[in-house]
Amino acid sequence: MPQLNPGPWFAILVFTWLVFLIIIPTKVLKHISPNEPTPVSAEKHKTEPWDWPW
């Protein structure tokens, strides 16, 4: 019965977990935030007070 031979199945198990733990999270994280967010400037816009002309 080949299921009782742990040689090839253990290698497949280890390789599969390596893919799940190393390769897939890096690919998912690249799709979540593909670009670095640009910081919003803390400088306020200079607006002058405005009154109705009547």
PDB file of N, CA and C in Angstrom:
ATOM      1  N   MET A   1       0.841  -1.181   0.000  1.00  0.00           N
ATOM      2  CA  MET A   1       0.000   0.000   0.000  1.00  0.00           C
ATOM      3  C   MET A   1       0.892   1.252   0.000  1.00  0.00           C
ATOM      4  N   PRO A   2       0.812   2.076  -1.021  1.00  0.00           N
ATOM      5  CA  PRO A   2       1.711   3.229  -1.096  1.00  0.00           C
ATOM      6  C   PRO A   2       1.370   4.333  -0.092  1.00  0.00           C
ATOM      7  N   GLN A   3       0.172   4.308   0.474  1.00  0.00           N
ATOM      8  CA  GLN A   3      -0.192   5.350   1.427  1.00  0.00           C
ATOM      9  C   GLN A   3       0.615   5.241   2.719  1.00  0.00           C
ATOM     10  N   LEU A   4       1.144   4.068   3.003  1.00  0.00           N
ATOM     11  CA  LEU A   4       1.890   3.877   4.236  1.00  0.00           C
ATOM     12  C   LEU A   4       3.341   4.305   4.101  1.00  0.00           C
ATOM     13  N   ASN A   5       3.811   4.566   2.900  1.00  0.00           N
ATOM     14  CA  ASN A   5       5.177   5.017   2.699  1.00  0.00           C
ATOM     15  C   ASN A   5       5.211   6.538   2.894  1.00  0.00           C
ATOM     16  N   PRO A   6       5.799   7.030   3.996  1.00  0.00           N
ATOM     17  CA  PRO A   6       5.731   8.469   4.273  1.00  0.00           C
ATOM     18  C   PRO A   6       6.691   9.309   3.438  1.00  0.00           C
ATOM     19  N   GLY A   7       7.579   8.696   2.685  1.00  0.00           N
ATOM     20  CA  GLY A   7       8.586   9.444   1.926  1.00  0.00           C
ATOM     21  C   GLY A   7       8.008  10.470   0.977  1.00  0.00           C
ATOM     22  N   PRO A   8       7.281  10.077  -0.056  1.00  0.00           N
ATOM     23  CA  PRO A   8       6.791  11.096  -0.999  1.00  0.00           C
ATOM     24  C   PRO A   8       5.670  11.958  -0.423  1.00  0.00           C
ATOM     25  N   TRP A   9       4.842  11.408   0.448  1.00  0.00           N
ATOM     26  CA  TRP A   9       3.718  12.179   0.977  1.00  0.00           C
ATOM     27  C   TRP A   9       4.177  13.257   1.941  1.00  0.00           C
ATOM     28  N   PHE A  10       5.218  12.973   2.695  1.00  0.00           N
ATOM     29  CA  PHE A  10       5.737  13.987   3.612  1.00  0.00           C
ATOM     30  C   PHE A  10       6.348  15.153   2.844  1.00  0.00           C
ATOM     31  N   ALA A  11       7.057  14.854   1.758  1.00  0.00           N
ATOM     32  CA  ALA A  11       7.634  15.921   0.936  1.00  0.00           C
ATOM     33  C   ALA A  11       6.531  16.771   0.303  1.00  0.00           C
ATOM     34  N   ILE A  12       5.470  16.137  -0.159  1.00  0.00           N
ATOM     35  CA  ILE A  12       4.348  16.878  -0.743  1.00  0.00           C
ATOM     36  C   ILE A  12       3.677  17.739   0.325  1.00  0.00           C
ATOM     37  N   LEU A  13       3.504  17.206   1.513  1.00  0.00           N
ATOM     38  CA  LEU A  13       2.896  17.958   2.607  1.00  0.00           C
ATOM     39  C   LEU A  13       3.738  19.179   2.974  1.00  0.00           C
ATOM     40  N   VAL A  14       5.045  18.999   3.098  1.00  0.00           N
ATOM     41  CA  VAL A  14       5.925  20.114   3.460  1.00  0.00           C
ATOM     42  C   VAL A  14       5.926  21.165   2.360  1.00  0.00           C
ATOM     43  N   PHE A  15       6.013  20.745   1.106  1.00  0.00           N
ATOM     44  CA  PHE A  15       6.026  21.695  -0.004  1.00  0.00           C
ATOM     45  C   PHE A  15       4.714  22.471  -0.077  1.00  0.00           C
ATOM     46  N   THR A  16       3.601  21.785   0.158  1.00  0.00           N
ATOM     47  CA  THR A  16       2.302  22.455   0.129  1.00  0.00           C
ATOM     48  C   THR A  16       2.201  23.510   1.224  1.00  0.00           C
ATOM     49  N   TRP A  17       2.662  23.192   2.428  1.00  0.00           N
ATOM     50  CA  TRP A  17       2.616  24.170   3.508  1.00  0.00           C
ATOM     51  C   TRP A  17       3.563  25.330   3.253  1.00  0.00           C
ATOM     52  N   LEU A  18       4.687  25.071   2.612  1.00  0.00           N
ATOM     53  CA  LEU A  18       5.579  26.170   2.251  1.00  0.00           C
ATOM     54  C   LEU A  18       4.894  27.119   1.275  1.00  0.00           C
ATOM     55  N   VAL A  19       4.162  26.569   0.324  1.00  0.00           N
ATOM     56  CA  VAL A  19       3.433  27.412  -0.623  1.00  0.00           C
ATOM     57  C   VAL A  19       2.374  28.220   0.109  1.00  0.00           C
ATOM     58  N   PHE A  20       1.635  27.582   1.007  1.00  0.00           N
ATOM     59  CA  PHE A  20       0.575  28.283   1.727  1.00  0.00           C
ATOM     60  C   PHE A  20       1.122  29.370   2.650  1.00  0.00           C
ATOM     61  N   LEU A  21       2.256  29.128   3.278  1.00  0.00           N
ATOM     62  CA  LEU A  21       2.754  30.056   4.287  1.00  0.00           C
ATOM     63  C   LEU A  21       3.705  31.113   3.753  1.00  0.00           C
ATOM     64  N   ILE A  22       4.332  30.878   2.609  1.00  0.00           N
ATOM     65  CA  ILE A  22       5.333  31.822   2.107  1.00  0.00           C
ATOM     66  C   ILE A  22       4.888  32.502   0.820  1.00  0.00           C
ATOM     67  N   ILE A  23       4.482  31.751  -0.164  1.00  0.00           N
ATOM     68  CA  ILE A  23       4.236  32.318  -1.494  1.00  0.00           C
ATOM     69  C   ILE A  23       2.880  33.002  -1.568  1.00  0.00           C
ATOM     70  N   ILE A  24       1.833  32.357  -1.102  1.00  0.00           N
ATOM     71  CA  ILE A  24       0.480  32.915  -1.241  1.00  0.00           C
ATOM     72  C   ILE A  24       0.300  34.213  -0.443  1.00  0.00           C
ATOM     73  N   PRO A  25       0.746  34.322   0.823  1.00  0.00           N
ATOM     74  CA  PRO A  25       0.553  35.604   1.529  1.00  0.00           C
ATOM     75  C   PRO A  25       1.250  36.778   0.856  1.00  0.00           C
ATOM     76  N   THR A  26       2.435  36.569   0.279  1.00  0.00           N
ATOM     77  CA  THR A  26       3.112  37.686  -0.383  1.00  0.00           C
ATOM     78  C   THR A  26       2.340  38.135  -1.613  1.00  0.00           C
ATOM     79  N   LYS A  27       1.769  37.206  -2.357  1.00  0.00           N
ATOM     80  CA  LYS A  27       0.995  37.584  -3.537  1.00  0.00           C
ATOM     81  C   LYS A  27      -0.304  38.285  -3.141  1.00  0.00           C
ATOM     82  N   VAL A  28      -0.936  37.829  -2.072  1.00  0.00           N
ATOM     83  CA  VAL A  28      -2.183  38.452  -1.627  1.00  0.00           C
ATOM     84  C   VAL A  28      -1.910  39.864  -1.115  1.00  0.00           C
ATOM     85  N   LEU A  29      -0.836  40.049  -0.365  1.00  0.00           N
ATOM     86  CA  LEU A  29      -0.533  41.372   0.168  1.00  0.00           C
ATOM     87  C   LEU A  29      -0.180  42.361  -0.930  1.00  0.00           C
ATOM     88  N   LYS A  30       0.401  41.902  -2.019  1.00  0.00           N
ATOM     89  CA  LYS A  30       0.700  42.805  -3.132  1.00  0.00           C
ATOM     90  C   LYS A  30      -0.580  43.285  -3.796  1.00  0.00           C
ATOM     91  N   HIS A  31      -1.614  42.464  -3.802  1.00  0.00           N
ATOM     92  CA  HIS A  31      -2.870  42.876  -4.419  1.00  0.00           C
ATOM     93  C   HIS A  31      -3.702  43.753  -3.490  1.00  0.00           C
ATOM     94  N   ILE A  32      -3.510  43.618  -2.188  1.00  0.00           N
ATOM     95  CA  ILE A  32      -4.291  44.420  -1.250  1.00  0.00           C
ATOM     96  C   ILE A  32      -3.871  45.888  -1.322  1.00  0.00           C
ATOM     97  N   SER A  33      -2.570  46.152  -1.309  1.00  0.00           N
ATOM     98  CA  SER A  33      -2.096  47.540  -1.388  1.00  0.00           C
ATOM     99  C   SER A  33      -1.014  47.628  -2.457  1.00  0.00           C
ATOM    100  N   PRO A  34      -1.394  47.762  -3.726  1.00  0.00           N
ATOM    101  CA  PRO A  34      -0.384  47.780  -4.787  1.00  0.00           C
ATOM    102  C   PRO A  34       0.465  49.045  -4.789  1.00  0.00           C
ATOM    103  N   ASN A  35      -0.067  50.161  -4.331  1.00  0.00           N
ATOM    104  CA  ASN A  35       0.684  51.414  -4.310  1.00  0.00           C
ATOM    105  C   ASN A  35       0.762  51.931  -2.887  1.00  0.00           C
ATOM    106  N   GLU A  36       1.866  52.575  -2.592  1.00  0.00           N
ATOM    107  CA  GLU A  36       1.998  53.191  -1.281  1.00  0.00           C
ATOM    108  C   GLU A  36       1.103  54.428  -1.232  1.00  0.00           C
ATOM    109  N   PRO A  37       0.382  54.618  -0.150  1.00  0.00           N
ATOM    110  CA  PRO A  37      -0.482  55.797  -0.073  1.00  0.00           C
ATOM    111  C   PRO A  37       0.347  57.074   0.034  1.00  0.00           C
ATOM    112  N   THR A  38      -0.103  58.101  -0.645  1.00  0.00           N
ATOM    113  CA  THR A  38       0.603  59.374  -0.581  1.00  0.00           C
ATOM    114  C   THR A  38       0.150  60.124   0.664  1.00  0.00           C
ATOM    115  N   PRO A  39       1.078  60.706   1.396  1.00  0.00           N
ATOM    116  CA  PRO A  39       0.676  61.425   2.612  1.00  0.00           C
ATOM    117  C   PRO A  39      -0.073  62.705   2.257  1.00  0.00           C
ATOM    118  N   VAL A  40      -1.113  62.954   3.012  1.00  0.00           N
ATOM    119  CA  VAL A  40      -1.909  64.158   2.804  1.00  0.00           C
ATOM    120  C   VAL A  40      -1.195  65.313   3.500  1.00  0.00           C
ATOM    121  N   SER A  41      -1.037  66.405   2.802  1.00  0.00           N
ATOM    122  CA  SER A  41      -0.329  67.537   3.402  1.00  0.00           C
ATOM    123  C   SER A  41      -1.185  68.153   4.509  1.00  0.00           C
ATOM    124  N   ALA A  42      -0.524  68.516   5.588  1.00  0.00           N
ATOM    125  CA  ALA A  42      -1.230  69.093   6.728  1.00  0.00           C
ATOM    126  C   ALA A  42      -1.466  70.582   6.529  1.00  0.00           C
ATOM    127  N   GLU A  43      -0.963  71.140   5.452  1.00  0.00           N
ATOM    128  CA  GLU A  43      -1.128  72.567   5.191  1.00  0.00           C
ATOM    129  C   GLU A  43      -2.561  72.848   4.755  1.00  0.00           C
ATOM    130  N   LYS A  44      -3.188  73.815   5.418  1.00  0.00           N
ATOM    131  CA  LYS A  44      -4.569  74.148   5.071  1.00  0.00           C
ATOM    132  C   LYS A  44      -4.587  75.100   3.887  1.00  0.00           C
ATOM    133  N   HIS A  45      -5.658  75.046   3.131  1.00  0.00           N
ATOM    134  CA  HIS A  45      -5.806  75.951   2.004  1.00  0.00           C
ATOM    135  C   HIS A  45      -6.079  77.362   2.518  1.00  0.00           C
ATOM    136  N   LYS A  46      -5.473  78.312   1.864  1.00  0.00           N
ATOM    137  CA  LYS A  46      -5.673  79.700   2.276  1.00  0.00           C
ATOM    138  C   LYS A  46      -6.933  80.240   1.599  1.00  0.00           C
ATOM    139  N   THR A  47      -7.975  80.366   2.379  1.00  0.00           N
ATOM    140  CA  THR A  47      -9.223  80.924   1.859  1.00  0.00           C
ATOM    141  C   THR A  47      -9.488  82.240   2.562  1.00  0.00           C
ATOM    142  N   GLU A  48      -9.911  83.187   1.804  1.00  0.00           N
ATOM    143  CA  GLU A  48     -10.203  84.496   2.376  1.00  0.00           C
ATOM    144  C   GLU A  48     -11.673  84.554   2.783  1.00  0.00           C
ATOM    145  N   PRO A  49     -11.993  85.301   3.844  1.00  0.00           N
ATOM    146  CA  PRO A  49     -13.401  85.442   4.223  1.00  0.00           C
ATOM    147  C   PRO A  49     -14.181  86.161   3.131  1.00  0.00           C
ATOM    148  N   TRP A  50     -15.419  85.776   2.993  1.00  0.00           N
ATOM    149  CA  TRP A  50     -16.217  86.284   1.880  1.00  0.00           C
ATOM    150  C   TRP A  50     -17.580  86.700   2.403  1.00  0.00           C
ATOM    151  N   ASP A  51     -18.024  87.879   2.050  1.00  0.00           N
ATOM    152  CA  ASP A  51     -19.342  88.370   2.456  1.00  0.00           C
ATOM    153  C   ASP A  51     -20.206  88.571   1.225  1.00  0.00           C
ATOM    154  N   TRP A  52     -21.516  88.554   1.456  1.00  0.00           N
ATOM    155  CA  TRP A  52     -22.437  88.836   0.356  1.00  0.00           C
ATOM    156  C   TRP A  52     -22.344  90.315  -0.007  1.00  0.00           C
ATOM    157  N   PRO A  53     -22.358  90.638  -1.290  1.00  0.00           N
ATOM    158  CA  PRO A  53     -22.140  92.037  -1.692  1.00  0.00           C
ATOM    159  C   PRO A  53     -23.394  92.902  -1.622  1.00  0.00           C
ATOM    160  N   TRP A  54     -24.227  92.849  -0.592  1.00  0.00           N
ATOM    161  CA  TRP A  54     -25.381  93.745  -0.517  1.00  0.00           C
ATOM    162  C   TRP A  54     -25.419  94.525   0.757  1.00  0.00           C
TER     163      TRP A  54
END
